[in-house]
All heavy atoms as atom14 arrays in JSON, in Angstrom:
{
  "sequence": "FDVLFDDERYFHTFSASNPNAEHLCGDDNYVVRYDFTKWPVWRSTWQV",
  "atom14_mask": [
    [1, 1, 1, 1, 1, 1, 1, 1, 1, 1, 1, 0, 0, 0],
    [1, 1, 1, 1, 1, 1, 1, 1, 0, 0, 0, 0, 0, 0],
    [1, 1, 1, 1, 1, 1, 1, 0, 0, 0, 0, 0, 0, 0],
    [1, 1, 1, 1, 1, 1, 1, 1, 0, 0, 0, 0, 0, 0],
    [1, 1, 1, 1, 1, 1, 1, 1, 1, 1, 1, 0, 0, 0],
    [1, 1, 1, 1, 1, 1, 1, 1, 0, 0, 0, 0, 0, 0],
    [1, 1, 1, 1, 1, 1, 1, 1, 0, 0, 0, 0, 0, 0],
    [1, 1, 1, 1, 1, 1, 1, 1, 1, 0, 0, 0, 0, 0],
    [1, 1, 1, 1, 1, 1, 1, 1, 1, 1, 1, 0, 0, 0],
    [1, 1, 1, 1, 1, 1, 1, 1, 1, 1, 1, 1, 0, 0],
    [1, 1, 1, 1, 1, 1, 1, 1, 1, 1, 1, 0, 0, 0],
    [1, 1, 1, 1, 1, 1, 1, 1, 1, 1, 0, 0, 0, 0],
    [1, 1, 1, 1, 1, 1, 1, 0, 0, 0, 0, 0, 0, 0],
    [1, 1, 1, 1, 1, 1, 1, 1, 1, 1, 1, 0, 0, 0],
    [1, 1, 1, 1, 1, 1, 0, 0, 0, 0, 0, 0, 0, 0],
    [1, 1, 1, 1, 1, 0, 0, 0, 0, 0, 0, 0, 0, 0],
    [1, 1, 1, 1, 1, 1, 0, 0, 0, 0, 0, 0, 0, 0],
    [1, 1, 1, 1, 1, 1, 1, 1, 0, 0, 0, 0, 0, 0],
    [1, 1, 1, 1, 1, 1, 1, 0, 0, 0, 0, 0, 0, 0],
    [1, 1, 1, 1, 1, 1, 1, 1, 0, 0, 0, 0, 0, 0],
    [1, 1, 1, 1, 1, 0, 0, 0, 0, 0, 0, 0, 0, 0],
    [1, 1, 1, 1, 1, 1, 1, 1, 1, 0, 0, 0, 0, 0],
    [1, 1, 1, 1, 1, 1, 1, 1, 1, 1, 0, 0, 0, 0],
    [1, 1, 1, 1, 1, 1, 1, 1, 0, 0, 0, 0, 0, 0],
    [1, 1, 1, 1, 1, 1, 0, 0, 0, 0, 0, 0, 0, 0],
    [1, 1, 1, 1, 0, 0, 0, 0, 0, 0, 0, 0, 0, 0],
    [1, 1, 1, 1, 1, 1, 1, 1, 0, 0, 0, 0, 0, 0],
    [1, 1, 1, 1, 1, 1, 1, 1, 0, 0, 0, 0, 0, 0],
    [1, 1, 1, 1, 1, 1, 1, 1, 0, 0, 0, 0, 0, 0],
    [1, 1, 1, 1, 1, 1, 1, 1, 1, 1, 1, 1, 0, 0],
    [1, 1, 1, 1, 1, 1, 1, 0, 0, 0, 0, 0, 0, 0],
    [1, 1, 1, 1, 1, 1, 1, 0, 0, 0, 0, 0, 0, 0],
    [1, 1, 1, 1, 1, 1, 1, 1, 1, 1, 1, 0, 0, 0],
    [1, 1, 1, 1, 1, 1, 1, 1, 1, 1, 1, 1, 0, 0],
    [1, 1, 1, 1, 1, 1, 1, 1, 0, 0, 0, 0, 0, 0],
    [1, 1, 1, 1, 1, 1, 1, 1, 1, 1, 1, 0, 0, 0],
    [1, 1, 1, 1, 1, 1, 1, 0, 0, 0, 0, 0, 0, 0],
    [1, 1, 1, 1, 1, 1, 1, 1, 1, 0, 0, 0, 0, 0],
    [1, 1, 1, 1, 1, 1, 1, 1, 1, 1, 1, 1, 1, 1],
    [1, 1, 1, 1, 1, 1, 1, 0, 0, 0, 0, 0, 0, 0],
    [1, 1, 1, 1, 1, 1, 1, 0, 0, 0, 0, 0, 0, 0],
    [1, 1, 1, 1, 1, 1, 1, 1, 1, 1, 1, 1, 1, 1],
    [1, 1, 1, 1, 1, 1, 1, 1, 1, 1, 1, 0, 0, 0],
    [1, 1, 1, 1, 1, 1, 0, 0, 0, 0, 0, 0, 0, 0],
    [1, 1, 1, 1, 1, 1, 1, 0, 0, 0, 0, 0, 0, 0],
    [1, 1, 1, 1, 1, 1, 1, 1, 1, 1, 1, 1, 1, 1],
    [1, 1, 1, 1, 1, 1, 1, 1, 1, 0, 0, 0, 0, 0],
    [1, 1, 1, 1, 1, 1, 1, 0, 0, 0, 0, 0, 0, 0]
  ],
  "atom14_positions": [
    [[108.98, 6.7, 78.12], [108.06, 7.68, 78.68], [106.61, 7.26, 78.48], [106.23, 6.85, 77.38], [108.31, 9.04, 78.03], [109.74, 9.47, 78.13], [110.62, 9.28, 77.07], [110.23, 10.01, 79.3], [111.95, 9.64, 77.17], [111.56, 10.38, 79.42], [112.42, 10.19, 78.35], [0.0, 0.0, 0.0], [0.0, 0.0, 0.0], [0.0, 0.0, 0.0]],
    [[105.83, 7.38, 79.54], [104.4, 7.11, 79.49], [103.67, 8.44, 79.57], [103.96, 9.27, 80.43], [103.96, 6.24, 80.67], [104.65, 4.88, 80.67], [104.83, 4.32, 79.58], [104.99, 4.41, 81.76], [0.0, 0.0, 0.0], [0.0, 0.0, 0.0], [0.0, 0.0, 0.0], [0.0, 0.0, 0.0], [0.0, 0.0, 0.0], [0.0, 0.0, 0.0]],
    [[102.71, 8.65, 78.68], [101.91, 9.86, 78.65], [100.5, 9.49, 79.09], [99.91, 8.54, 78.57], [101.9, 10.51, 77.25], [101.08, 11.79, 77.25], [103.33, 10.77, 76.77], [0.0, 0.0, 0.0], [0.0, 0.0, 0.0], [0.0, 0.0, 0.0], [0.0, 0.0, 0.0], [0.0, 0.0, 0.0], [0.0, 0.0, 0.0], [0.0, 0.0, 0.0]],
    [[99.98, 10.26, 80.05], [98.63, 10.05, 80.57], [97.77, 11.26, 80.23], [98.27, 12.39, 80.19], [98.65, 9.88, 82.09], [99.63, 8.85, 82.66], [99.6, 8.89, 84.18], [99.3, 7.46, 82.17], [0.0, 0.0, 0.0], [0.0, 0.0, 0.0], [0.0, 0.0, 0.0], [0.0, 0.0, 0.0], [0.0, 0.0, 0.0], [0.0, 0.0, 0.0]],
    [[96.48, 11.04, 80.02], [95.55, 12.15, 79.87], [95.47, 12.92, 81.18], [95.89, 12.42, 82.23], [94.15, 11.64, 79.5], [94.06, 11.07, 78.11], [93.89, 9.71, 77.91], [94.12, 11.9, 77.0], [93.8, 9.18, 76.64], [94.02, 11.38, 75.72], [93.86, 10.01, 75.54], [0.0, 0.0, 0.0], [0.0, 0.0, 0.0], [0.0, 0.0, 0.0]],
    [[94.89, 14.09, 81.15], [94.8, 14.9, 82.37], [93.9, 14.27, 83.44], [93.98, 14.63, 84.61], [94.36, 16.34, 82.07], [92.99, 16.44, 81.45], [92.37, 15.41, 81.1], [92.51, 17.58, 81.31], [0.0, 0.0, 0.0], [0.0, 0.0, 0.0], [0.0, 0.0, 0.0], [0.0, 0.0, 0.0], [0.0, 0.0, 0.0], [0.0, 0.0, 0.0]],
    [[93.08, 13.28, 83.05], [92.28, 12.56, 84.05], [92.98, 11.28, 84.51], [92.38, 10.43, 85.16], [90.87, 12.26, 83.52], [90.88, 11.32, 82.32], [91.97, 10.84, 81.91], [89.79, 11.06, 81.77], [0.0, 0.0, 0.0], [0.0, 0.0, 0.0], [0.0, 0.0, 0.0], [0.0, 0.0, 0.0], [0.0, 0.0, 0.0], [0.0, 0.0, 0.0]],
    [[94.26, 11.14, 84.16], [95.16, 10.08, 84.57], [94.96, 8.74, 83.85], [95.58, 7.74, 84.2], [95.12, 9.87, 86.1], [95.48, 11.14, 86.84], [95.4, 11.0, 88.35], [95.53, 9.88, 88.87], [95.19, 12.05, 89.01], [0.0, 0.0, 0.0], [0.0, 0.0, 0.0], [0.0, 0.0, 0.0], [0.0, 0.0, 0.0], [0.0, 0.0, 0.0]],
    [[94.14, 8.71, 82.79], [94.04, 7.5, 81.98], [95.28, 7.38, 81.09], [95.82, 8.39, 80.64], [92.8, 7.54, 81.07], [91.49, 7.37, 81.76], [90.31, 7.49, 80.79], [90.32, 8.81, 80.15], [90.32, 9.01, 78.83], [90.3, 8.0, 77.99], [90.33, 10.24, 78.34], [0.0, 0.0, 0.0], [0.0, 0.0, 0.0], [0.0, 0.0, 0.0]],
    [[95.69, 6.15, 80.81], [96.84, 5.9, 79.94], [96.55, 6.4, 78.52], [95.47, 6.2, 77.99], [97.14, 4.4, 79.92], [98.22, 4.03, 78.93], [99.55, 4.27, 79.22], [97.9, 3.49, 77.7], [100.55, 3.96, 78.3], [98.87, 3.18, 76.78], [100.2, 3.42, 77.08], [101.17, 3.12, 76.18], [0.0, 0.0, 0.0], [0.0, 0.0, 0.0]],
    [[97.55, 7.06, 77.9], [97.43, 7.55, 76.53], [98.38, 6.78, 75.6], [97.94, 6.07, 74.72], [97.69, 9.04, 76.49], [97.51, 9.73, 75.16], [96.79, 9.16, 74.13], [98.07, 10.97, 74.94], [96.63, 9.81, 72.91], [97.92, 11.64, 73.74], [97.2, 11.06, 72.73], [0.0, 0.0, 0.0], [0.0, 0.0, 0.0], [0.0, 0.0, 0.0]],
    [[99.7, 6.9, 75.83], [100.66, 6.17, 74.99], [102.04, 6.15, 75.63], [102.28, 6.86, 76.6], [100.73, 6.76, 73.57], [101.31, 8.14, 73.5], [100.57, 9.27, 73.75], [102.56, 8.58, 73.21], [101.33, 10.34, 73.61], [102.55, 9.95, 73.28], [0.0, 0.0, 0.0], [0.0, 0.0, 0.0], [0.0, 0.0, 0.0], [0.0, 0.0, 0.0]],
    [[102.92, 5.33, 75.06], [104.3, 5.17, 75.53], [105.23, 5.31, 74.34], [104.93, 4.85, 73.24], [104.48, 3.78, 76.18], [103.65, 3.69, 77.33], [105.93, 3.53, 76.59], [0.0, 0.0, 0.0], [0.0, 0.0, 0.0], [0.0, 0.0, 0.0], [0.0, 0.0, 0.0], [0.0, 0.0, 0.0], [0.0, 0.0, 0.0], [0.0, 0.0, 0.0]],
    [[106.39, 5.95, 74.57], [107.39, 6.1, 73.51], [108.77, 6.22, 74.16], [108.89, 6.37, 75.37], [107.11, 7.33, 72.64], [107.4, 8.63, 73.34], [108.63, 9.25, 73.2], [106.45, 9.22, 74.16], [108.9, 10.44, 73.86], [106.71, 10.41, 74.81], [107.93, 11.02, 74.66], [0.0, 0.0, 0.0], [0.0, 0.0, 0.0], [0.0, 0.0, 0.0]],
    [[109.81, 6.17, 73.33], [111.18, 6.43, 73.78], [111.92, 7.12, 72.64], [111.45, 7.11, 71.5], [111.88, 5.12, 74.16], [112.11, 4.33, 73.02], [0.0, 0.0, 0.0], [0.0, 0.0, 0.0], [0.0, 0.0, 0.0], [0.0, 0.0, 0.0], [0.0, 0.0, 0.0], [0.0, 0.0, 0.0], [0.0, 0.0, 0.0], [0.0, 0.0, 0.0]],
    [[113.07, 7.7, 72.95], [113.86, 8.34, 71.9], [114.36, 7.32, 70.89], [114.45, 7.6, 69.71], [115.03, 9.09, 72.52], [0.0, 0.0, 0.0], [0.0, 0.0, 0.0], [0.0, 0.0, 0.0], [0.0, 0.0, 0.0], [0.0, 0.0, 0.0], [0.0, 0.0, 0.0], [0.0, 0.0, 0.0], [0.0, 0.0, 0.0], [0.0, 0.0, 0.0]],
    [[114.65, 6.1, 71.35], [115.13, 5.07, 70.42], [113.98, 4.35, 69.72], [114.2, 3.65, 68.74], [116.0, 4.06, 71.16], [115.24, 3.38, 72.13], [0.0, 0.0, 0.0], [0.0, 0.0, 0.0], [0.0, 0.0, 0.0], [0.0, 0.0, 0.0], [0.0, 0.0, 0.0], [0.0, 0.0, 0.0], [0.0, 0.0, 0.0], [0.0, 0.0, 0.0]],
    [[112.77, 4.51, 70.2], [111.58, 3.91, 69.6], [110.45, 4.94, 69.7], [109.56, 4.81, 70.53], [111.24, 2.62, 70.34], [110.24, 1.78, 69.59], [109.8, 2.14, 68.52], [109.87, 0.66, 70.18], [0.0, 0.0, 0.0], [0.0, 0.0, 0.0], [0.0, 0.0, 0.0], [0.0, 0.0, 0.0], [0.0, 0.0, 0.0], [0.0, 0.0, 0.0]],
    [[110.51, 5.97, 68.84], [109.68, 7.16, 69.03], [108.27, 7.09, 68.43], [107.71, 8.11, 68.04], [110.5, 8.24, 68.34], [111.14, 7.51, 67.2], [111.47, 6.14, 67.76], [0.0, 0.0, 0.0], [0.0, 0.0, 0.0], [0.0, 0.0, 0.0], [0.0, 0.0, 0.0], [0.0, 0.0, 0.0], [0.0, 0.0, 0.0], [0.0, 0.0, 0.0]],
    [[107.69, 5.93, 68.38], [106.38, 5.76, 67.75], [105.37, 5.2, 68.74], [105.72, 4.39, 69.6], [106.5, 4.78, 66.58], [107.59, 5.18, 65.63], [107.44, 6.1, 64.85], [108.72, 4.5, 65.71], [0.0, 0.0, 0.0], [0.0, 0.0, 0.0], [0.0, 0.0, 0.0], [0.0, 0.0, 0.0], [0.0, 0.0, 0.0], [0.0, 0.0, 0.0]],
    [[104.14, 5.62, 68.61], [103.08, 5.09, 69.47], [101.75, 5.22, 68.75], [101.64, 5.92, 67.74], [103.05, 5.83, 70.81], [0.0, 0.0, 0.0], [0.0, 0.0, 0.0], [0.0, 0.0, 0.0], [0.0, 0.0, 0.0], [0.0, 0.0, 0.0], [0.0, 0.0, 0.0], [0.0, 0.0, 0.0], [0.0, 0.0, 0.0], [0.0, 0.0, 0.0]],
    [[100.75, 4.55, 69.3], [99.42, 4.54, 68.71], [98.39, 4.53, 69.82], [98.6, 3.95, 70.88], [99.3, 3.29, 67.84], [98.1, 3.24, 66.97], [98.17, 2.08, 65.97], [99.22, 1.43, 65.87], [97.15, 1.85, 65.31], [0.0, 0.0, 0.0], [0.0, 0.0, 0.0], [0.0, 0.0, 0.0], [0.0, 0.0, 0.0], [0.0, 0.0, 0.0]],
    [[97.25, 5.16, 69.55], [96.15, 5.18, 70.52], [94.84, 5.13, 69.74], [94.61, 5.94, 68.84], [96.21, 6.47, 71.36], [95.03, 6.65, 72.25], [94.9, 5.99, 73.44], [93.92, 7.4, 72.11], [93.75, 6.34, 74.01], [93.14, 7.21, 73.22], [0.0, 0.0, 0.0], [0.0, 0.0, 0.0], [0.0, 0.0, 0.0], [0.0, 0.0, 0.0]],
    [[93.99, 4.18, 70.1], [92.68, 4.07, 69.5], [91.67, 4.77, 70.41], [91.57, 4.45, 71.59], [92.3, 2.6, 69.3], [91.03, 2.34, 68.5], [91.15, 2.9, 67.08], [90.75, 0.84, 68.45], [0.0, 0.0, 0.0], [0.0, 0.0, 0.0], [0.0, 0.0, 0.0], [0.0, 0.0, 0.0], [0.0, 0.0, 0.0], [0.0, 0.0, 0.0]],
    [[90.95, 5.74, 69.87], [89.95, 6.5, 70.61], [88.62, 6.26, 69.9], [88.35, 6.89, 68.87], [90.31, 7.97, 70.65], [89.13, 8.98, 71.55], [0.0, 0.0, 0.0], [0.0, 0.0, 0.0], [0.0, 0.0, 0.0], [0.0, 0.0, 0.0], [0.0, 0.0, 0.0], [0.0, 0.0, 0.0], [0.0, 0.0, 0.0], [0.0, 0.0, 0.0]],
    [[87.82, 5.34, 70.41], [86.63, 4.93, 69.69], [87.06, 4.33, 68.37], [87.89, 3.41, 68.34], [0.0, 0.0, 0.0], [0.0, 0.0, 0.0], [0.0, 0.0, 0.0], [0.0, 0.0, 0.0], [0.0, 0.0, 0.0], [0.0, 0.0, 0.0], [0.0, 0.0, 0.0], [0.0, 0.0, 0.0], [0.0, 0.0, 0.0], [0.0, 0.0, 0.0]],
    [[86.54, 4.86, 67.26], [86.94, 4.38, 65.93], [88.0, 5.25, 65.28], [88.37, 5.03, 64.14], [85.71, 4.32, 65.01], [84.73, 3.24, 65.44], [85.18, 2.22, 66.01], [83.52, 3.42, 65.21], [0.0, 0.0, 0.0], [0.0, 0.0, 0.0], [0.0, 0.0, 0.0], [0.0, 0.0, 0.0], [0.0, 0.0, 0.0], [0.0, 0.0, 0.0]],
    [[88.48, 6.27, 66.01], [89.53, 7.15, 65.49], [90.89, 6.64, 65.97], [91.07, 6.37, 67.16], [89.31, 8.59, 65.95], [88.02, 9.18, 65.39], [87.73, 8.94, 64.19], [87.32, 9.88, 66.13], [0.0, 0.0, 0.0], [0.0, 0.0, 0.0], [0.0, 0.0, 0.0], [0.0, 0.0, 0.0], [0.0, 0.0, 0.0], [0.0, 0.0, 0.0]],
    [[91.83, 6.53, 65.05], [93.15, 6.02, 65.37], [94.18, 7.15, 65.35], [94.27, 7.88, 64.36], [93.55, 4.92, 64.38], [94.75, 4.15, 64.87], [94.9, 3.89, 66.05], [95.61, 3.76, 63.94], [0.0, 0.0, 0.0], [0.0, 0.0, 0.0], [0.0, 0.0, 0.0], [0.0, 0.0, 0.0], [0.0, 0.0, 0.0], [0.0, 0.0, 0.0]],
    [[94.92, 7.29, 66.44], [95.95, 8.31, 66.59], [97.31, 7.63, 66.53], [97.59, 6.75, 67.34], [95.81, 9.01, 67.95], [94.59, 9.87, 68.09], [93.32, 9.32, 68.16], [94.71, 11.26, 68.16], [92.19, 10.12, 68.29], [93.6, 12.06, 68.3], [92.35, 11.49, 68.36], [91.24, 12.29, 68.49], [0.0, 0.0, 0.0], [0.0, 0.0, 0.0]],
    [[98.16, 8.02, 65.58], [99.5, 7.46, 65.43], [100.48, 8.61, 65.51], [100.35, 9.6, 64.8], [99.64, 6.72, 64.08], [101.06, 6.19, 63.91], [98.62, 5.59, 63.98], [0.0, 0.0, 0.0], [0.0, 0.0, 0.0], [0.0, 0.0, 0.0], [0.0, 0.0, 0.0], [0.0, 0.0, 0.0], [0.0, 0.0, 0.0], [0.0, 0.0, 0.0]],
    [[101.48, 8.48, 66.41], [102.44, 9.56, 66.59], [103.85, 9.06, 66.31], [104.17, 7.89, 66.53], [102.38, 10.14, 68.03], [102.79, 9.12, 69.08], [103.24, 11.41, 68.15], [0.0, 0.0, 0.0], [0.0, 0.0, 0.0], [0.0, 0.0, 0.0], [0.0, 0.0, 0.0], [0.0, 0.0, 0.0], [0.0, 0.0, 0.0], [0.0, 0.0, 0.0]],
    [[104.66, 9.96, 65.81], [106.1, 9.74, 65.67], [106.78, 10.97, 66.25], [106.53, 12.1, 65.81], [106.51, 9.55, 64.23], [108.04, 9.43, 64.09], [108.46, 8.85, 62.78], [109.89, 8.77, 62.67], [110.65, 7.81, 63.18], [110.09, 6.84, 63.85], [111.95, 7.81, 63.02], [0.0, 0.0, 0.0], [0.0, 0.0, 0.0], [0.0, 0.0, 0.0]],
    [[107.62, 10.74, 67.24], [108.44, 11.81, 67.81], [109.76, 11.84, 67.07], [110.28, 10.81, 66.65], [108.69, 11.55, 69.3], [107.46, 11.68, 70.16], [106.65, 10.58, 70.43], [107.1, 12.91, 70.71], [105.52, 10.69, 71.22], [105.96, 13.03, 71.5], [105.18, 11.92, 71.75], [104.06, 12.05, 72.53], [0.0, 0.0, 0.0], [0.0, 0.0, 0.0]],
    [[110.31, 13.03, 66.89], [111.59, 13.2, 66.2], [112.52, 14.0, 67.1], [112.27, 15.18, 67.38], [111.36, 13.93, 64.88], [112.64, 14.15, 64.08], [113.75, 13.87, 64.59], [112.53, 14.62, 62.94], [0.0, 0.0, 0.0], [0.0, 0.0, 0.0], [0.0, 0.0, 0.0], [0.0, 0.0, 0.0], [0.0, 0.0, 0.0], [0.0, 0.0, 0.0]],
    [[113.58, 13.34, 67.58], [114.55, 13.98, 68.47], [115.91, 14.17, 67.8], [116.9, 14.42, 68.47], [114.72, 13.13, 69.74], [113.43, 12.94, 70.5], [112.8, 11.71, 70.51], [112.86, 13.99, 71.19], [111.61, 11.53, 71.2], [111.67, 13.82, 71.89], [111.04, 12.59, 71.89], [0.0, 0.0, 0.0], [0.0, 0.0, 0.0], [0.0, 0.0, 0.0]],
    [[115.98, 14.07, 66.47], [117.26, 14.13, 65.77], [117.94, 15.49, 65.87], [119.15, 15.58, 65.64], [117.11, 13.73, 64.28], [116.15, 14.59, 63.67], [116.68, 12.28, 64.15], [0.0, 0.0, 0.0], [0.0, 0.0, 0.0], [0.0, 0.0, 0.0], [0.0, 0.0, 0.0], [0.0, 0.0, 0.0], [0.0, 0.0, 0.0], [0.0, 0.0, 0.0]],
    [[117.2, 16.55, 66.21], [117.8, 17.89, 66.36], [117.69, 18.36, 67.81], [117.62, 19.55, 68.07], [117.11, 18.88, 65.42], [117.31, 18.55, 63.97], [116.61, 19.53, 63.07], [116.83, 19.14, 61.61], [116.1, 20.02, 60.7], [0.0, 0.0, 0.0], [0.0, 0.0, 0.0], [0.0, 0.0, 0.0], [0.0, 0.0, 0.0], [0.0, 0.0, 0.0]],
    [[117.66, 17.4, 68.74], [117.52, 17.71, 70.17], [118.48, 18.81, 70.58], [119.63, 18.77, 70.15], [117.76, 16.43, 70.98], [117.56, 16.63, 72.43], [118.54, 16.83, 73.36], [116.33, 16.66, 73.13], [117.98, 16.99, 74.6], [116.62, 16.89, 74.49], [115.0, 16.54, 72.76], [115.64, 16.99, 75.47], [114.02, 16.63, 73.72], [114.35, 16.86, 75.05]],
    [[118.07, 19.84, 71.32], [116.85, 19.92, 72.12], [115.63, 20.45, 71.38], [114.57, 20.61, 71.98], [117.25, 20.85, 73.26], [118.21, 21.8, 72.63], [118.97, 20.96, 71.63], [0.0, 0.0, 0.0], [0.0, 0.0, 0.0], [0.0, 0.0, 0.0], [0.0, 0.0, 0.0], [0.0, 0.0, 0.0], [0.0, 0.0, 0.0], [0.0, 0.0, 0.0]],
    [[115.73, 20.71, 70.09], [114.53, 20.99, 69.31], [113.95, 19.64, 68.94], [114.68, 18.74, 68.5], [114.85, 21.82, 68.06], [113.64, 21.98, 67.17], [115.43, 23.18, 68.46], [0.0, 0.0, 0.0], [0.0, 0.0, 0.0], [0.0, 0.0, 0.0], [0.0, 0.0, 0.0], [0.0, 0.0, 0.0], [0.0, 0.0, 0.0], [0.0, 0.0, 0.0]],
    [[112.66, 19.46, 69.16], [112.04, 18.18, 68.86], [110.65, 18.38, 68.31], [110.1, 19.47, 68.37], [112.05, 17.25, 70.07], [111.4, 17.79, 71.32], [111.91, 18.74, 72.18], [110.15, 17.41, 71.88], [111.04, 18.96, 73.21], [109.95, 18.15, 73.07], [109.17, 16.5, 71.5], [108.83, 18.03, 73.86], [108.04, 16.35, 72.3], [107.88, 17.11, 73.46]],
    [[110.1, 17.31, 67.75], [108.84, 17.4, 67.03], [107.99, 16.16, 67.29], [108.53, 15.07, 67.47], [109.18, 17.51, 65.55], [108.02, 17.51, 64.61], [108.51, 17.59, 63.2], [108.98, 18.95, 62.96], [109.06, 19.51, 61.79], [108.75, 18.84, 60.71], [109.47, 20.74, 61.66], [0.0, 0.0, 0.0], [0.0, 0.0, 0.0], [0.0, 0.0, 0.0]],
    [[106.69, 16.35, 67.3], [105.76, 15.22, 67.28], [104.84, 15.39, 66.08], [104.39, 16.51, 65.8], [104.95, 15.12, 68.57], [104.08, 16.21, 68.72], [0.0, 0.0, 0.0], [0.0, 0.0, 0.0], [0.0, 0.0, 0.0], [0.0, 0.0, 0.0], [0.0, 0.0, 0.0], [0.0, 0.0, 0.0], [0.0, 0.0, 0.0], [0.0, 0.0, 0.0]],
    [[104.62, 14.3, 65.35], [103.72, 14.33, 64.2], [102.65, 13.28, 64.42], [102.96, 12.09, 64.55], [104.49, 14.04, 62.89], [105.52, 15.02, 62.74], [103.56, 14.08, 61.69], [0.0, 0.0, 0.0], [0.0, 0.0, 0.0], [0.0, 0.0, 0.0], [0.0, 0.0, 0.0], [0.0, 0.0, 0.0], [0.0, 0.0, 0.0], [0.0, 0.0, 0.0]],
    [[101.42, 13.74, 64.51], [100.26, 12.86, 64.71], [99.5, 12.72, 63.4], [99.21, 13.71, 62.73], [99.31, 13.45, 65.75], [99.82, 13.35, 67.15], [100.56, 14.27, 67.83], [99.62, 12.27, 68.05], [100.82, 13.82, 69.09], [100.25, 12.6, 69.25], [98.96, 11.05, 67.95], [100.25, 11.75, 70.36], [98.95, 10.2, 69.04], [99.59, 10.55, 70.23]],
    [[99.17, 11.48, 63.04], [98.26, 11.17, 61.94], [97.0, 10.65, 62.61], [97.05, 9.64, 63.33], [98.83, 10.1, 61.02], [99.99, 10.54, 60.18], [99.59, 11.51, 59.09], [100.37, 12.35, 58.74], [98.4, 11.42, 58.55], [0.0, 0.0, 0.0], [0.0, 0.0, 0.0], [0.0, 0.0, 0.0], [0.0, 0.0, 0.0], [0.0, 0.0, 0.0]],
    [[95.89, 11.33, 62.41], [94.63, 10.94, 63.04], [93.63, 10.61, 61.95], [93.36, 11.45, 61.08], [94.1, 12.07, 63.96], [92.83, 11.63, 64.65], [95.17, 12.48, 64.97], [0.0, 0.0, 0.0], [0.0, 0.0, 0.0], [0.0, 0.0, 0.0], [0.0, 0.0, 0.0], [0.0, 0.0, 0.0], [0.0, 0.0, 0.0], [0.0, 0.0, 0.0]]
  ]
}
């Protein structure tokens, strides 16, 4: 899955088998981990 900002710029890519992504915004670093182990309940955890 590819996630785009609302202005259509690329944000990040992830998959259920590889649920991690990263995005650098200026000097701020965004790291996400998606958790689908209790699907259809799911979670995203961002460290910024």
